[in-house]
């Protein structure tokens, strides 16, 4: 039963990874692509790793999958935020269809 849940999580993770990669190709600017890749890594890859843990159990492979999952959950959102902030501060403009630019509004308040 637990193995079936693990296989389901692997399939859901593959689903998120596929659509995250599709977002990297289809989305218009750096910020949208970063958002797609961060969700892809956090939800997709962590789903695959947790599914692997459920399939393998508390073996060496399962423990390594949990450790990788923990590392990804802690680092992927932070790195995506740092890349987006660095891109904005270096002058990369959002696509023309962007409706709200809250970070730009915050910078204007400080000046």
N, C-alpha and C. Protein backbone atom coordinates (compact mmCIF):
# COMPACT_ATOMS: atom_id res chain seq x y z
N UNK A 1 0.83 -1.20 0.00
CA UNK A 1 0.00 0.00 0.00
C UNK A 1 0.87 1.26 0.00
N UNK A 2 1.89 1.28 0.86
CA UNK A 2 2.76 2.46 0.94
C UNK A 2 3.56 2.60 -0.36
N UNK A 3 3.93 1.47 -0.96
CA UNK A 3 4.66 1.55 -2.23
C UNK A 3 3.79 2.19 -3.32
N UNK A 4 2.51 1.89 -3.32
CA UNK A 4 1.61 2.49 -4.31
C UNK A 4 1.51 4.00 -4.11
N UNK A 5 1.48 4.45 -2.87
CA UNK A 5 1.48 5.88 -2.58
C UNK A 5 2.79 6.50 -3.06
N UNK A 6 3.89 5.78 -2.84
CA UNK A 6 5.19 6.26 -3.31
C UNK A 6 5.23 6.40 -4.82
N UNK A 7 4.71 5.41 -5.55
CA UNK A 7 4.67 5.50 -7.00
C UNK A 7 3.77 6.65 -7.46
N UNK A 8 2.66 6.87 -6.74
CA UNK A 8 1.78 7.99 -7.08
C UNK A 8 2.50 9.32 -6.88
N UNK A 9 3.27 9.45 -5.80
CA UNK A 9 4.02 10.68 -5.56
C UNK A 9 5.09 10.89 -6.62
N UNK A 10 5.71 9.82 -7.06
CA UNK A 10 6.71 9.94 -8.13
C UNK A 10 6.03 10.44 -9.41
N UNK A 11 4.87 9.91 -9.71
CA UNK A 11 4.16 10.35 -10.92
C UNK A 11 3.72 11.82 -10.80
N UNK A 12 3.23 12.21 -9.64
CA UNK A 12 2.85 13.61 -9.43
C UNK A 12 4.07 14.51 -9.54
N UNK A 13 5.20 14.07 -8.99
CA UNK A 13 6.44 14.84 -9.10
C UNK A 13 6.89 14.98 -10.54
N UNK A 14 6.76 13.92 -11.32
CA UNK A 14 7.10 14.00 -12.74
C UNK A 14 6.18 14.97 -13.48
N UNK A 15 4.91 14.98 -13.09
CA UNK A 15 3.94 15.91 -13.66
C UNK A 15 4.38 17.35 -13.42
N UNK A 16 4.71 17.67 -12.16
CA UNK A 16 5.16 19.03 -11.83
C UNK A 16 6.46 19.37 -12.54
N UNK A 17 7.40 18.43 -12.62
CA UNK A 17 8.66 18.70 -13.30
C UNK A 17 8.44 18.95 -14.79
N UNK A 18 7.57 18.18 -15.40
CA UNK A 18 7.29 18.38 -16.83
C UNK A 18 6.73 19.77 -17.08
N UNK A 19 5.74 20.16 -16.32
CA UNK A 19 5.13 21.47 -16.55
C UNK A 19 6.04 22.61 -16.11
N UNK A 20 6.92 22.37 -15.15
CA UNK A 20 7.92 23.38 -14.81
C UNK A 20 8.91 23.59 -15.94
N UNK A 21 9.33 22.51 -16.58
CA UNK A 21 10.22 22.64 -17.74
C UNK A 21 9.51 23.30 -18.91
N UNK A 22 8.26 23.00 -19.08
CA UNK A 22 7.47 23.65 -20.12
C UNK A 22 7.36 25.15 -19.83
N UNK A 23 7.23 25.51 -18.58
CA UNK A 23 7.19 26.92 -18.20
C UNK A 23 8.50 27.63 -18.49
N UNK A 24 9.62 26.93 -18.35
CA UNK A 24 10.91 27.54 -18.67
C UNK A 24 11.01 27.89 -20.15
N UNK A 25 10.35 27.13 -20.97
CA UNK A 25 10.39 27.39 -22.41
C UNK A 25 9.37 28.45 -22.81
N UNK A 26 8.18 28.40 -22.23
CA UNK A 26 7.07 29.20 -22.72
C UNK A 26 6.91 30.58 -22.06
N UNK A 27 7.38 30.75 -20.84
CA UNK A 27 7.12 32.01 -20.13
C UNK A 27 8.01 33.14 -20.66
N UNK A 28 7.55 34.40 -20.56
CA UNK A 28 8.18 35.48 -21.30
C UNK A 28 9.45 36.09 -20.70
N UNK A 29 9.60 36.12 -19.39
CA UNK A 29 10.77 36.82 -18.84
C UNK A 29 11.42 36.03 -17.73
N UNK A 30 12.51 36.59 -17.22
CA UNK A 30 13.32 35.92 -16.21
C UNK A 30 12.52 35.63 -14.94
N UNK A 31 11.70 36.55 -14.53
CA UNK A 31 10.99 36.42 -13.26
C UNK A 31 9.93 35.31 -13.32
N UNK A 32 9.21 35.23 -14.42
CA UNK A 32 8.24 34.16 -14.58
C UNK A 32 8.93 32.81 -14.68
N UNK A 33 10.05 32.77 -15.37
CA UNK A 33 10.80 31.51 -15.50
C UNK A 33 11.37 31.06 -14.17
N UNK A 34 11.83 32.01 -13.37
CA UNK A 34 12.32 31.66 -12.03
C UNK A 34 11.21 31.10 -11.16
N UNK A 35 10.03 31.68 -11.27
CA UNK A 35 8.90 31.19 -10.48
C UNK A 35 8.55 29.77 -10.91
N UNK A 36 8.54 29.52 -12.21
CA UNK A 36 8.22 28.18 -12.71
C UNK A 36 9.27 27.16 -12.28
N UNK A 37 10.53 27.55 -12.36
CA UNK A 37 11.57 26.60 -11.99
C UNK A 37 11.60 26.34 -10.48
N UNK A 38 11.32 27.36 -9.67
CA UNK A 38 11.30 27.15 -8.22
C UNK A 38 10.16 26.21 -7.82
N UNK A 39 8.99 26.39 -8.42
CA UNK A 39 7.87 25.48 -8.13
C UNK A 39 8.18 24.09 -8.64
N UNK A 40 8.79 24.02 -9.81
CA UNK A 40 9.14 22.73 -10.40
C UNK A 40 10.07 21.96 -9.48
N UNK A 41 11.09 22.62 -8.98
CA UNK A 41 12.05 21.95 -8.12
C UNK A 41 11.41 21.60 -6.77
N UNK A 42 10.73 22.57 -6.18
CA UNK A 42 10.19 22.34 -4.85
C UNK A 42 9.10 21.28 -4.84
N UNK A 43 8.13 21.40 -5.71
CA UNK A 43 7.02 20.45 -5.71
C UNK A 43 7.35 19.17 -6.46
N UNK A 44 7.96 19.30 -7.63
CA UNK A 44 8.22 18.13 -8.46
C UNK A 44 9.31 17.23 -7.92
N UNK A 45 10.48 17.79 -7.76
CA UNK A 45 11.61 16.99 -7.32
C UNK A 45 11.43 16.48 -5.89
N UNK A 46 10.84 17.30 -5.04
CA UNK A 46 10.59 16.84 -3.67
C UNK A 46 9.53 15.74 -3.65
N UNK A 47 8.55 15.82 -4.53
CA UNK A 47 7.57 14.74 -4.64
C UNK A 47 8.21 13.44 -5.07
N UNK A 48 9.12 13.53 -6.04
CA UNK A 48 9.82 12.33 -6.50
C UNK A 48 10.67 11.76 -5.38
N UNK A 49 11.39 12.62 -4.67
CA UNK A 49 12.27 12.14 -3.59
C UNK A 49 11.47 11.54 -2.43
N UNK A 50 10.34 12.15 -2.09
CA UNK A 50 9.53 11.58 -1.00
C UNK A 50 8.89 10.27 -1.43
N UNK A 51 8.48 10.19 -2.69
CA UNK A 51 7.97 8.93 -3.22
C UNK A 51 9.03 7.84 -3.18
N UNK A 52 10.27 8.20 -3.52
CA UNK A 52 11.37 7.25 -3.44
C UNK A 52 11.59 6.79 -2.01
N UNK A 53 11.49 7.73 -1.07
CA UNK A 53 11.63 7.34 0.33
C UNK A 53 10.54 6.35 0.74
N UNK A 54 9.31 6.60 0.31
CA UNK A 54 8.23 5.68 0.67
C UNK A 54 8.42 4.31 0.03
N UNK A 55 8.98 4.28 -1.16
CA UNK A 55 9.21 3.00 -1.83
C UNK A 55 10.36 2.24 -1.17
N UNK A 56 11.46 2.93 -0.89
CA UNK A 56 12.66 2.26 -0.35
C UNK A 56 12.64 2.10 1.16
N UNK A 57 11.91 2.97 1.87
CA UNK A 57 11.86 2.88 3.32
C UNK A 57 13.12 3.44 3.97
N UNK A 58 13.41 2.98 5.18
CA UNK A 58 14.56 3.49 5.93
C UNK A 58 15.82 2.72 5.58
N UNK A 59 16.14 2.69 4.30
CA UNK A 59 17.40 2.13 3.83
C UNK A 59 18.35 3.29 3.56
N UNK A 60 19.55 2.98 3.09
CA UNK A 60 20.50 4.04 2.78
C UNK A 60 19.95 4.95 1.68
N UNK A 61 19.31 4.35 0.69
CA UNK A 61 18.74 5.14 -0.40
C UNK A 61 17.61 6.04 0.10
N UNK A 62 16.76 5.52 0.96
CA UNK A 62 15.64 6.30 1.49
C UNK A 62 16.10 7.47 2.35
N UNK A 63 17.10 7.24 3.18
CA UNK A 63 17.63 8.31 4.03
C UNK A 63 18.28 9.39 3.17
N UNK A 64 19.02 8.99 2.14
CA UNK A 64 19.63 9.97 1.24
C UNK A 64 18.56 10.79 0.51
N UNK A 65 17.48 10.14 0.13
CA UNK A 65 16.39 10.86 -0.53
C UNK A 65 15.79 11.90 0.42
N UNK A 66 15.61 11.55 1.68
CA UNK A 66 15.08 12.52 2.66
C UNK A 66 16.04 13.68 2.88
N UNK A 67 17.33 13.38 2.94
CA UNK A 67 18.32 14.46 3.13
C UNK A 67 18.34 15.39 1.93
N UNK A 68 18.27 14.84 0.73
CA UNK A 68 18.21 15.68 -0.48
C UNK A 68 16.93 16.51 -0.49
N UNK A 69 15.81 15.92 -0.09
CA UNK A 69 14.54 16.62 -0.01
C UNK A 69 14.65 17.81 0.93
N UNK A 70 15.21 17.59 2.09
CA UNK A 70 15.38 18.67 3.07
C UNK A 70 16.25 19.79 2.51
N UNK A 71 17.35 19.42 1.88
CA UNK A 71 18.25 20.41 1.30
C UNK A 71 17.55 21.23 0.22
N UNK A 72 16.78 20.58 -0.64
CA UNK A 72 16.09 21.28 -1.72
C UNK A 72 15.02 22.22 -1.17
N UNK A 73 14.27 21.76 -0.17
CA UNK A 73 13.23 22.60 0.42
C UNK A 73 13.82 23.85 1.06
N UNK A 74 15.01 23.73 1.63
CA UNK A 74 15.63 24.88 2.28
C UNK A 74 16.31 25.83 1.30
N UNK A 75 16.82 25.32 0.18
CA UNK A 75 17.63 26.16 -0.68
C UNK A 75 16.94 26.66 -1.95
N UNK A 76 16.03 25.91 -2.53
CA UNK A 76 15.45 26.30 -3.82
C UNK A 76 14.67 27.62 -3.76
N UNK A 77 13.76 27.82 -2.83
CA UNK A 77 13.05 29.11 -2.80
C UNK A 77 13.96 30.30 -2.50
N UNK A 78 14.94 30.09 -1.63
CA UNK A 78 15.86 31.18 -1.28
C UNK A 78 16.73 31.56 -2.48
N UNK A 79 17.22 30.56 -3.19
CA UNK A 79 18.06 30.86 -4.36
C UNK A 79 17.25 31.52 -5.47
N UNK A 80 16.01 31.11 -5.68
CA UNK A 80 15.18 31.75 -6.70
C UNK A 80 14.92 33.21 -6.33
N UNK A 81 14.67 33.47 -5.06
CA UNK A 81 14.45 34.85 -4.62
C UNK A 81 15.72 35.68 -4.81
N UNK A 82 16.87 35.12 -4.47
CA UNK A 82 18.13 35.86 -4.63
C UNK A 82 18.42 36.14 -6.10
N UNK A 83 18.14 35.18 -6.97
CA UNK A 83 18.36 35.41 -8.40
C UNK A 83 17.41 36.48 -8.95
N UNK A 84 16.16 36.45 -8.52
CA UNK A 84 15.20 37.45 -8.99
C UNK A 84 15.58 38.84 -8.49
N UNK A 85 15.98 38.93 -7.26
CA UNK A 85 16.37 40.23 -6.71
C UNK A 85 17.62 40.76 -7.41
N UNK A 86 18.58 39.88 -7.65
CA UNK A 86 19.79 40.28 -8.36
C UNK A 86 19.49 40.73 -9.79
N UNK A 87 18.59 40.02 -10.45
CA UNK A 87 18.22 40.40 -11.82
C UNK A 87 17.54 41.76 -11.82
N UNK A 88 16.66 42.00 -10.86
CA UNK A 88 15.96 43.28 -10.81
C UNK A 88 16.92 44.43 -10.53
N UNK A 89 17.81 44.20 -9.58
CA UNK A 89 18.75 45.27 -9.22
C UNK A 89 19.78 45.54 -10.32
N UNK A 90 20.04 44.55 -11.18
CA UNK A 90 20.99 44.77 -12.26
C UNK A 90 20.32 45.38 -13.49
N UNK A 91 19.01 45.59 -13.43
CA UNK A 91 18.33 46.31 -14.49
C UNK A 91 17.52 45.47 -15.46
N UNK A 92 17.33 44.20 -15.19
CA UNK A 92 16.50 43.37 -16.07
C UNK A 92 15.05 43.74 -15.83
N UNK A 93 14.40 44.23 -16.87
CA UNK A 93 13.02 44.69 -16.75
C UNK A 93 12.05 43.53 -16.92
N UNK A 94 10.93 43.57 -16.20
CA UNK A 94 9.88 42.58 -16.42
C UNK A 94 9.27 42.74 -17.81
N UNK A 95 8.57 41.73 -18.27
CA UNK A 95 7.93 41.80 -19.59
C UNK A 95 6.88 42.91 -19.58
N UNK A 96 6.54 43.45 -20.75
CA UNK A 96 5.57 44.56 -20.81
C UNK A 96 4.19 44.21 -20.27
N UNK A 97 3.84 42.93 -20.26
CA UNK A 97 2.51 42.52 -19.78
C UNK A 97 2.43 42.47 -18.25
N UNK A 98 3.52 42.73 -17.56
CA UNK A 98 3.52 42.69 -16.10
C UNK A 98 2.61 43.79 -15.56
N UNK A 99 1.69 43.42 -14.69
CA UNK A 99 0.70 44.36 -14.18
C UNK A 99 1.18 45.03 -12.90
N UNK A 100 1.76 44.27 -12.00
CA UNK A 100 2.16 44.80 -10.70
C UNK A 100 3.66 44.61 -10.52
N UNK A 101 4.33 45.66 -10.06
CA UNK A 101 5.76 45.61 -9.78
C UNK A 101 5.97 46.10 -8.35
N UNK A 102 5.67 45.24 -7.40
CA UNK A 102 5.74 45.64 -5.99
C UNK A 102 7.17 45.91 -5.54
N UNK A 103 8.12 45.19 -6.07
CA UNK A 103 9.50 45.41 -5.67
C UNK A 103 9.97 46.80 -6.13
N UNK A 104 9.59 47.18 -7.34
CA UNK A 104 9.93 48.52 -7.83
C UNK A 104 9.26 49.61 -7.00
N UNK A 105 8.04 49.36 -6.57
CA UNK A 105 7.34 50.33 -5.72
C UNK A 105 8.05 50.46 -4.36
N UNK A 106 8.53 49.37 -3.83
CA UNK A 106 9.24 49.41 -2.55
C UNK A 106 10.56 50.17 -2.67
N UNK A 107 11.25 50.00 -3.78
CA UNK A 107 12.51 50.71 -3.98
C UNK A 107 12.25 52.20 -4.10
N UNK A 108 11.17 52.59 -4.77
CA UNK A 108 10.84 54.00 -4.92
C UNK A 108 10.49 54.63 -3.56
N UNK A 109 9.87 53.89 -2.67
CA UNK A 109 9.54 54.42 -1.34
C UNK A 109 10.78 54.72 -0.53
N UNK A 110 11.84 53.92 -0.71
CA UNK A 110 13.07 54.08 0.06
C UNK A 110 13.84 55.30 -0.42
N UNK A 111 13.76 55.60 -1.73
CA UNK A 111 14.54 56.73 -2.28
C UNK A 111 14.02 58.06 -1.87
